[in-house]
Amino acid sequence: MGKAREQREADRLAYDAYRHHAISIAFRALPAKERTAIEQLADKAASRFKGSLREATRAAHRERLTVSRYPDRIKSFEKWRQAA
């Protein structure tokens, strides 16, 4: 694997870590009513699954819903990379 490819992969992994953290912070900063609404929608989306798959699906939907409702709270990859 070339250095440029390794760097791109490292950048993507670092951005993914940033994104998950930023989404978590954004979600926790929401008013309780909005957090509850997002949690209920995520629960509904994950309801057909059981166990760890249910929890993973619920978490993924919670992140997607948070980002779709508050996209301005998460930097794009390009803006994140410029800020680094």
PDB file of N, CA and C in Angstrom:
ATOM      1  N   MET A   1       0.856  -1.175   0.000  1.00  0.00           N
ATOM      2  CA  MET A   1       0.000   0.000   0.000  1.00  0.00           C
ATOM      3  C   MET A   1       0.903   1.239   0.000  1.00  0.00           C
ATOM      4  N   GLY A   2       0.600   2.211  -0.853  1.00  0.00           N
ATOM      5  CA  GLY A   2       1.396   3.425  -0.944  1.00  0.00           C
ATOM      6  C   GLY A   2       1.120   4.377   0.195  1.00  0.00           C
ATOM      7  N   LYS A   3       2.064   5.292   0.397  1.00  0.00           N
ATOM      8  CA  LYS A   3       1.931   6.264   1.496  1.00  0.00           C
ATOM      9  C   LYS A   3       0.697   7.147   1.339  1.00  0.00           C
ATOM     10  N   ALA A   4       0.409   7.566   0.114  1.00  0.00           N
ATOM     11  CA  ALA A   4      -0.762   8.426  -0.106  1.00  0.00           C
ATOM     12  C   ALA A   4      -2.038   7.679   0.255  1.00  0.00           C
ATOM     13  N   ARG A   5      -2.116   6.421  -0.119  1.00  0.00           N
ATOM     14  CA  ARG A   5      -3.298   5.621   0.198  1.00  0.00           C
ATOM     15  C   ARG A   5      -3.406   5.399   1.707  1.00  0.00           C
ATOM     16  N   GLU A   6      -2.306   5.130   2.345  1.00  0.00           N
ATOM     17  CA  GLU A   6      -2.302   4.953   3.800  1.00  0.00           C
ATOM     18  C   GLU A   6      -2.765   6.232   4.503  1.00  0.00           C
ATOM     19  N   GLN A   7      -2.323   7.377   3.995  1.00  0.00           N
ATOM     20  CA  GLN A   7      -2.719   8.652   4.586  1.00  0.00           C
ATOM     21  C   GLN A   7      -4.214   8.904   4.410  1.00  0.00           C
ATOM     22  N   ARG A   8      -4.739   8.587   3.220  1.00  0.00           N
ATOM     23  CA  ARG A   8      -6.180   8.752   2.985  1.00  0.00           C
ATOM     24  C   ARG A   8      -6.979   7.868   3.927  1.00  0.00           C
ATOM     25  N   GLU A   9      -6.518   6.630   4.113  1.00  0.00           N
ATOM     26  CA  GLU A   9      -7.212   5.720   5.019  1.00  0.00           C
ATOM     27  C   GLU A   9      -7.133   6.218   6.460  1.00  0.00           C
ATOM     28  N   ALA A  10      -5.973   6.701   6.869  1.00  0.00           N
ATOM     29  CA  ALA A  10      -5.813   7.245   8.221  1.00  0.00           C
ATOM     30  C   ALA A  10      -6.708   8.472   8.412  1.00  0.00           C
ATOM     31  N   ASP A  11      -6.787   9.329   7.393  1.00  0.00           N
ATOM     32  CA  ASP A  11      -7.655  10.509   7.465  1.00  0.00           C
ATOM     33  C   ASP A  11      -9.117  10.103   7.608  1.00  0.00           C
ATOM     34  N   ARG A  12      -9.538   9.119   6.849  1.00  0.00           N
ATOM     35  CA  ARG A  12     -10.938   8.664   6.921  1.00  0.00           C
ATOM     36  C   ARG A  12     -11.253   8.071   8.290  1.00  0.00           C
ATOM     37  N   LEU A  13     -10.348   7.289   8.831  1.00  0.00           N
ATOM     38  CA  LEU A  13     -10.560   6.709  10.158  1.00  0.00           C
ATOM     39  C   LEU A  13     -10.629   7.803  11.223  1.00  0.00           C
ATOM     40  N   ALA A  14      -9.746   8.773  11.118  1.00  0.00           N
ATOM     41  CA  ALA A  14      -9.755   9.888  12.076  1.00  0.00           C
ATOM     42  C   ALA A  14     -11.038  10.710  11.936  1.00  0.00           C
ATOM     43  N   TYR A  15     -11.487  10.919  10.706  1.00  0.00           N
ATOM     44  CA  TYR A  15     -12.729  11.667  10.492  1.00  0.00           C
ATOM     45  C   TYR A  15     -13.928  10.899  11.052  1.00  0.00           C
ATOM     46  N   ASP A  16     -13.947   9.591  10.842  1.00  0.00           N
ATOM     47  CA  ASP A  16     -15.035   8.778  11.395  1.00  0.00           C
ATOM     48  C   ASP A  16     -15.086   8.903  12.914  1.00  0.00           C
ATOM     49  N   ALA A  17     -13.930   8.877  13.558  1.00  0.00           N
ATOM     50  CA  ALA A  17     -13.877   9.025  15.018  1.00  0.00           C
ATOM     51  C   ALA A  17     -14.383  10.413  15.420  1.00  0.00           C
ATOM     52  N   TYR A  18     -13.941  11.449  14.719  1.00  0.00           N
ATOM     53  CA  TYR A  18     -14.411  12.811  14.985  1.00  0.00           C
ATOM     54  C   TYR A  18     -15.932  12.885  14.828  1.00  0.00           C
ATOM     55  N   ARG A  19     -16.421  12.333  13.731  1.00  0.00           N
ATOM     56  CA  ARG A  19     -17.846  12.404  13.404  1.00  0.00           C
ATOM     57  C   ARG A  19     -18.698  11.744  14.498  1.00  0.00           C
ATOM     58  N   HIS A  20     -18.326  10.546  14.907  1.00  0.00           N
ATOM     59  CA  HIS A  20     -19.087   9.862  15.967  1.00  0.00           C
ATOM     60  C   HIS A  20     -19.088  10.694  17.256  1.00  0.00           C
ATOM     61  N   HIS A  21     -17.936  11.248  17.587  1.00  0.00           N
ATOM     62  CA  HIS A  21     -17.827  12.064  18.801  1.00  0.00           C
ATOM     63  C   HIS A  21     -18.671  13.337  18.676  1.00  0.00           C
ATOM     64  N   ALA A  22     -18.574  14.004  17.542  1.00  0.00           N
ATOM     65  CA  ALA A  22     -19.316  15.252  17.332  1.00  0.00           C
ATOM     66  C   ALA A  22     -20.823  15.005  17.327  1.00  0.00           C
ATOM     67  N   ILE A  23     -21.252  13.905  16.746  1.00  0.00           N
ATOM     68  CA  ILE A  23     -22.679  13.577  16.735  1.00  0.00           C
ATOM     69  C   ILE A  23     -23.158  13.314  18.159  1.00  0.00           C
ATOM     70  N   SER A  24     -22.366  12.601  18.925  1.00  0.00           N
ATOM     71  CA  SER A  24     -22.716  12.312  20.316  1.00  0.00           C
ATOM     72  C   SER A  24     -22.870  13.602  21.119  1.00  0.00           C
ATOM     73  N   ILE A  25     -21.936  14.513  20.942  1.00  0.00           N
ATOM     74  CA  ILE A  25     -22.002  15.804  21.635  1.00  0.00           C
ATOM     75  C   ILE A  25     -23.235  16.588  21.191  1.00  0.00           C
ATOM     76  N   ALA A  26     -23.487  16.613  19.880  1.00  0.00           N
ATOM     77  CA  ALA A  26     -24.648  17.338  19.355  1.00  0.00           C
ATOM     78  C   ALA A  26     -25.940  16.753  19.912  1.00  0.00           C
ATOM     79  N   PHE A  27     -26.034  15.426  19.951  1.00  0.00           N
ATOM     80  CA  PHE A  27     -27.235  14.777  20.467  1.00  0.00           C
ATOM     81  C   PHE A  27     -27.459  15.130  21.938  1.00  0.00           C
ATOM     82  N   ARG A  28     -26.424  15.036  22.742  1.00  0.00           N
ATOM     83  CA  ARG A  28     -26.545  15.325  24.174  1.00  0.00           C
ATOM     84  C   ARG A  28     -26.901  16.788  24.438  1.00  0.00           C
ATOM     85  N   ALA A  29     -26.558  17.680  23.514  1.00  0.00           N
ATOM     86  CA  ALA A  29     -26.844  19.102  23.688  1.00  0.00           C
ATOM     87  C   ALA A  29     -28.278  19.471  23.292  1.00  0.00           C
ATOM     88  N   LEU A  30     -28.998  18.549  22.688  1.00  0.00           N
ATOM     89  CA  LEU A  30     -30.366  18.836  22.263  1.00  0.00           C
ATOM     90  C   LEU A  30     -31.301  18.923  23.464  1.00  0.00           C
ATOM     91  N   PRO A  31     -32.380  19.654  23.307  1.00  0.00           N
ATOM     92  CA  PRO A  31     -33.396  19.670  24.360  1.00  0.00           C
ATOM     93  C   PRO A  31     -33.947  18.254  24.571  1.00  0.00           C
ATOM     94  N   ALA A  32     -34.360  17.963  25.786  1.00  0.00           N
ATOM     95  CA  ALA A  32     -34.850  16.623  26.137  1.00  0.00           C
ATOM     96  C   ALA A  32     -35.961  16.154  25.195  1.00  0.00           C
ATOM     97  N   LYS A  33     -36.841  17.042  24.832  1.00  0.00           N
ATOM     98  CA  LYS A  33     -37.960  16.683  23.946  1.00  0.00           C
ATOM     99  C   LYS A  33     -37.450  16.197  22.587  1.00  0.00           C
ATOM    100  N   GLU A  34     -36.458  16.871  22.054  1.00  0.00           N
ATOM    101  CA  GLU A  34     -35.898  16.485  20.755  1.00  0.00           C
ATOM    102  C   GLU A  34     -35.129  15.169  20.867  1.00  0.00           C
ATOM    103  N   ARG A  35     -34.366  14.988  21.939  1.00  0.00           N
ATOM    104  CA  ARG A  35     -33.654  13.715  22.153  1.00  0.00           C
ATOM    105  C   ARG A  35     -34.649  12.559  22.229  1.00  0.00           C
ATOM    106  N   THR A  36     -35.741  12.773  22.953  1.00  0.00           N
ATOM    107  CA  THR A  36     -36.764  11.735  23.085  1.00  0.00           C
ATOM    108  C   THR A  36     -37.376  11.391  21.734  1.00  0.00           C
ATOM    109  N   ALA A  37     -37.663  12.398  20.924  1.00  0.00           N
ATOM    110  CA  ALA A  37     -38.242  12.160  19.594  1.00  0.00           C
ATOM    111  C   ALA A  37     -37.288  11.342  18.732  1.00  0.00           C
ATOM    112  N   ILE A  38     -36.026  11.691  18.756  1.00  0.00           N
ATOM    113  CA  ILE A  38     -35.028  10.953  17.979  1.00  0.00           C
ATOM    114  C   ILE A  38     -34.900   9.525  18.496  1.00  0.00           C
ATOM    115  N   GLU A  39     -34.850   9.360  19.808  1.00  0.00           N
ATOM    116  CA  GLU A  39     -34.746   8.017  20.405  1.00  0.00           C
ATOM    117  C   GLU A  39     -35.949   7.157  20.013  1.00  0.00           C
ATOM    118  N   GLN A  40     -37.135   7.731  20.030  1.00  0.00           N
ATOM    119  CA  GLN A  40     -38.329   6.964  19.671  1.00  0.00           C
ATOM    120  C   GLN A  40     -38.283   6.510  18.212  1.00  0.00           C
ATOM    121  N   LEU A  41     -37.853   7.393  17.323  1.00  0.00           N
ATOM    122  CA  LEU A  41     -37.730   7.014  15.912  1.00  0.00           C
ATOM    123  C   LEU A  41     -36.656   5.947  15.719  1.00  0.00           C
ATOM    124  N   ALA A  42     -35.551   6.081  16.426  1.00  0.00           N
ATOM    125  CA  ALA A  42     -34.477   5.090  16.333  1.00  0.00           C
ATOM    126  C   ALA A  42     -34.937   3.747  16.890  1.00  0.00           C
ATOM    127  N   ASP A  43     -35.663   3.769  17.982  1.00  0.00           N
ATOM    128  CA  ASP A  43     -36.209   2.534  18.560  1.00  0.00           C
ATOM    129  C   ASP A  43     -37.139   1.836  17.579  1.00  0.00           C
ATOM    130  N   LYS A  44     -37.986   2.623  16.948  1.00  0.00           N
ATOM    131  CA  LYS A  44     -38.922   2.048  15.978  1.00  0.00           C
ATOM    132  C   LYS A  44     -38.172   1.399  14.819  1.00  0.00           C
ATOM    133  N   ALA A  45     -37.148   2.062  14.319  1.00  0.00           N
ATOM    134  CA  ALA A  45     -36.377   1.527  13.200  1.00  0.00           C
ATOM    135  C   ALA A  45     -35.646   0.237  13.571  1.00  0.00           C
ATOM    136  N   ALA A  46     -35.255   0.106  14.827  1.00  0.00           N
ATOM    137  CA  ALA A  46     -34.493  -1.060  15.274  1.00  0.00           C
ATOM    138  C   ALA A  46     -35.368  -2.163  15.855  1.00  0.00           C
ATOM    139  N   SER A  47     -36.644  -1.935  15.943  1.00  0.00           N
ATOM    140  CA  SER A  47     -37.530  -2.852  16.670  1.00  0.00           C
ATOM    141  C   SER A  47     -37.605  -4.253  16.076  1.00  0.00           C
ATOM    142  N   ARG A  48     -37.283  -4.425  14.818  1.00  0.00           N
ATOM    143  CA  ARG A  48     -37.378  -5.765  14.220  1.00  0.00           C
ATOM    144  C   ARG A  48     -36.168  -6.642  14.534  1.00  0.00           C
ATOM    145  N   PHE A  49     -35.173  -6.049  15.161  1.00  0.00           N
ATOM    146  CA  PHE A  49     -33.960  -6.787  15.508  1.00  0.00           C
ATOM    147  C   PHE A  49     -33.915  -7.095  16.997  1.00  0.00           C
ATOM    148  N   LYS A  50     -33.037  -8.012  17.362  1.00  0.00           N
ATOM    149  CA  LYS A  50     -32.854  -8.397  18.768  1.00  0.00           C
ATOM    150  C   LYS A  50     -31.392  -8.243  19.152  1.00  0.00           C
ATOM    151  N   GLY A  51     -31.141  -8.091  20.440  1.00  0.00           N
ATOM    152  CA  GLY A  51     -29.786  -8.118  20.986  1.00  0.00           C
ATOM    153  C   GLY A  51     -28.874  -7.022  20.484  1.00  0.00           C
ATOM    154  N   SER A  52     -27.633  -7.418  20.231  1.00  0.00           N
ATOM    155  CA  SER A  52     -26.615  -6.434  19.855  1.00  0.00           C
ATOM    156  C   SER A  52     -26.906  -5.798  18.500  1.00  0.00           C
ATOM    157  N   LEU A  53     -27.545  -6.529  17.588  1.00  0.00           N
ATOM    158  CA  LEU A  53     -27.903  -5.948  16.294  1.00  0.00           C
ATOM    159  C   LEU A  53     -28.943  -4.848  16.478  1.00  0.00           C
ATOM    160  N   ARG A  54     -29.850  -5.062  17.409  1.00  0.00           N
ATOM    161  CA  ARG A  54     -30.849  -4.030  17.698  1.00  0.00           C
ATOM    162  C   ARG A  54     -30.173  -2.763  18.230  1.00  0.00           C
ATOM    163  N   GLU A  55     -29.246  -2.934  19.169  1.00  0.00           N
ATOM    164  CA  GLU A  55     -28.556  -1.772  19.738  1.00  0.00           C
ATOM    165  C   GLU A  55     -27.716  -1.043  18.687  1.00  0.00           C
ATOM    166  N   ALA A  56     -27.027  -1.808  17.834  1.00  0.00           N
ATOM    167  CA  ALA A  56     -26.207  -1.184  16.783  1.00  0.00           C
ATOM    168  C   ALA A  56     -27.083  -0.438  15.782  1.00  0.00           C
ATOM    169  N   THR A  57     -28.214  -1.036  15.418  1.00  0.00           N
ATOM    170  CA  THR A  57     -29.141  -0.392  14.476  1.00  0.00           C
ATOM    171  C   THR A  57     -29.728   0.867  15.102  1.00  0.00           C
ATOM    172  N   ARG A  58     -30.090   0.776  16.352  1.00  0.00           N
ATOM    173  CA  ARG A  58     -30.652   1.928  17.075  1.00  0.00           C
ATOM    174  C   ARG A  58     -29.643   3.078  17.118  1.00  0.00           C
ATOM    175  N   ALA A  59     -28.398   2.760  17.445  1.00  0.00           N
ATOM    176  CA  ALA A  59     -27.358   3.786  17.512  1.00  0.00           C
ATOM    177  C   ALA A  59     -27.107   4.416  16.146  1.00  0.00           C
ATOM    178  N   ALA A  60     -27.078   3.594  15.106  1.00  0.00           N
ATOM    179  CA  ALA A  60     -26.851   4.114  13.752  1.00  0.00           C
ATOM    180  C   ALA A  60     -27.986   5.037  13.327  1.00  0.00           C
ATOM    181  N   HIS A  61     -29.219   4.649  13.634  1.00  0.00           N
ATOM    182  CA  HIS A  61     -30.368   5.505  13.285  1.00  0.00           C
ATOM    183  C   HIS A  61     -30.361   6.785  14.106  1.00  0.00           C
ATOM    184  N   ARG A  62     -29.988   6.702  15.380  1.00  0.00           N
ATOM    185  CA  ARG A  62     -29.913   7.908  16.207  1.00  0.00           C
ATOM    186  C   ARG A  62     -28.900   8.879  15.603  1.00  0.00           C
ATOM    187  N   GLU A  63     -27.748   8.362  15.165  1.00  0.00           N
ATOM    188  CA  GLU A  63     -26.743   9.236  14.540  1.00  0.00           C
ATOM    189  C   GLU A  63     -27.281   9.839  13.254  1.00  0.00           C
ATOM    190  N   ARG A  64     -27.881   9.016  12.384  1.00  0.00           N
ATOM    191  CA  ARG A  64     -28.403   9.527  11.120  1.00  0.00           C
ATOM    192  C   ARG A  64     -29.470  10.592  11.339  1.00  0.00           C
ATOM    193  N   LEU A  65     -30.346  10.338  12.279  1.00  0.00           N
ATOM    194  CA  LEU A  65     -31.410  11.312  12.557  1.00  0.00           C
ATOM    195  C   LEU A  65     -30.839  12.613  13.110  1.00  0.00           C
ATOM    196  N   THR A  66     -29.868  12.520  13.983  1.00  0.00           N
ATOM    197  CA  THR A  66     -29.249  13.721  14.551  1.00  0.00           C
ATOM    198  C   THR A  66     -28.589  14.539  13.456  1.00  0.00           C
ATOM    199  N   VAL A  67     -27.834  13.874  12.587  1.00  0.00           N
ATOM    200  CA  VAL A  67     -27.141  14.584  11.500  1.00  0.00           C
ATOM    201  C   VAL A  67     -28.142  15.162  10.501  1.00  0.00           C
ATOM    202  N   SER A  68     -29.190  14.408  10.193  1.00  0.00           N
ATOM    203  CA  SER A  68     -30.148  14.916   9.207  1.00  0.00           C
ATOM    204  C   SER A  68     -30.915  16.128   9.727  1.00  0.00           C
ATOM    205  N   ARG A  69     -31.129  16.183  11.042  1.00  0.00           N
ATOM    206  CA  ARG A  69     -31.852  17.318  11.625  1.00  0.00           C
ATOM    207  C   ARG A  69     -30.937  18.494  11.962  1.00  0.00           C
ATOM    208  N   TYR A  70     -29.664  18.207  12.208  1.00  0.00           N
ATOM    209  CA  TYR A  70     -28.712  19.253  12.627  1.00  0.00           C
ATOM    210  C   TYR A  70     -27.396  19.132  11.866  1.00  0.00           C
ATOM    211  N   PRO A  71     -27.442  19.198  10.543  1.00  0.00           N
ATOM    212  CA  PRO A  71     -26.214  18.999   9.752  1.00  0.00           C
ATOM    213  C   PRO A  71     -25.147  20.059  10.001  1.00  0.00           C
ATOM    214  N   ASP A  72     -25.552  21.235  10.441  1.00  0.00           N
ATOM    215  CA  ASP A  72     -24.601  22.320  10.668  1.00  0.00           C
ATOM    216  C   ASP A  72     -23.711  22.079  11.888  1.00  0.00           C
ATOM    217  N   ARG A  73     -24.024  21.086  12.690  1.00  0.00           N
ATOM    218  CA  ARG A  73     -23.240  20.813  13.893  1.00  0.00           C
ATOM    219  C   ARG A  73     -22.088  19.837  13.648  1.00  0.00           C
ATOM    220  N   ILE A  74     -22.013  19.275  12.440  1.00  0.00           N
ATOM    221  CA  ILE A  74     -20.966  18.317  12.105  1.00  0.00           C
ATOM    222  C   ILE A  74     -20.212  18.839  10.880  1.00  0.00           C
ATOM    223  N   LYS A  75     -18.907  18.967  11.008  1.00  0.00           N
ATOM    224  CA  LYS A  75     -18.107  19.446   9.872  1.00  0.00           C
ATOM    225  C   LYS A  75     -18.048  18.382   8.789  1.00  0.00           C
ATOM    226  N   SER A  76     -18.048  18.839   7.544  1.00  0.00           N
ATOM    227  CA  SER A  76     -17.820  17.926   6.422  1.00  0.00           C
ATOM    228  C   SER A  76     -16.368  17.445   6.490  1.00  0.00           C
ATOM    229  N   PHE A  77     -16.076  16.399   5.758  1.00  0.00           N
ATOM    230  CA  PHE A  77     -14.711  15.879   5.738  1.00  0.00           C
ATOM    231  C   PHE A  77     -13.730  16.966   5.315  1.00  0.00           C
ATOM    232  N   GLU A  78     -14.101  17.705   4.293  1.00  0.00           N
ATOM    233  CA  GLU A  78     -13.211  18.749   3.776  1.00  0.00           C
ATOM    234  C   GLU A  78     -12.963  19.839   4.824  1.00  0.00           C
ATOM    235  N   LYS A  79     -14.020  20.292   5.483  1.00  0.00           N
ATOM    236  CA  LYS A  79     -13.849  21.331   6.503  1.00  0.00           C
ATOM    237  C   LYS A  79     -13.090  20.803   7.716  1.00  0.00           C
ATOM    238  N   TRP A  80     -13.343  19.562   8.076  1.00  0.00           N
ATOM    239  CA  TRP A  80     -12.630  18.947   9.196  1.00  0.00           C
ATOM    240  C   TRP A  80     -11.127  18.866   8.858  1.00  0.00           C
ATOM    241  N   ARG A  81     -10.822  18.438   7.652  1.00  0.00           N
ATOM    242  CA  ARG A  81      -9.422  18.289   7.243  1.00  0.00           C
ATOM    243  C   ARG A  81      -8.717  19.648   7.197  1.00  0.00           C
ATOM    244  N   GLN A  82      -9.414  20.673   6.754  1.00  0.00           N
ATOM    245  CA  GLN A  82      -8.826  22.017   6.716  1.00  0.00           C
ATOM    246  C   GLN A  82      -8.535  22.531   8.125  1.00  0.00           C
ATOM    247  N   ALA A  83      -9.396  22.182   9.066  1.00  0.00           N
ATOM    248  CA  ALA A  83      -9.241  22.640  10.439  1.00  0.00           C
ATOM    249  C   ALA A  83      -8.143  21.885  11.199  1.00  0.00           C
ATOM    250  N   ALA A  84      -7.800  20.712  10.693  1.00  0.00           N
ATOM    251  CA  ALA A  84      -6.800  19.867  11.399  1.00  0.00           C
ATOM    252  C   ALA A  84      -5.402  20.410  11.268  1.00  0.00           C
TER     253      ALA A  84
END
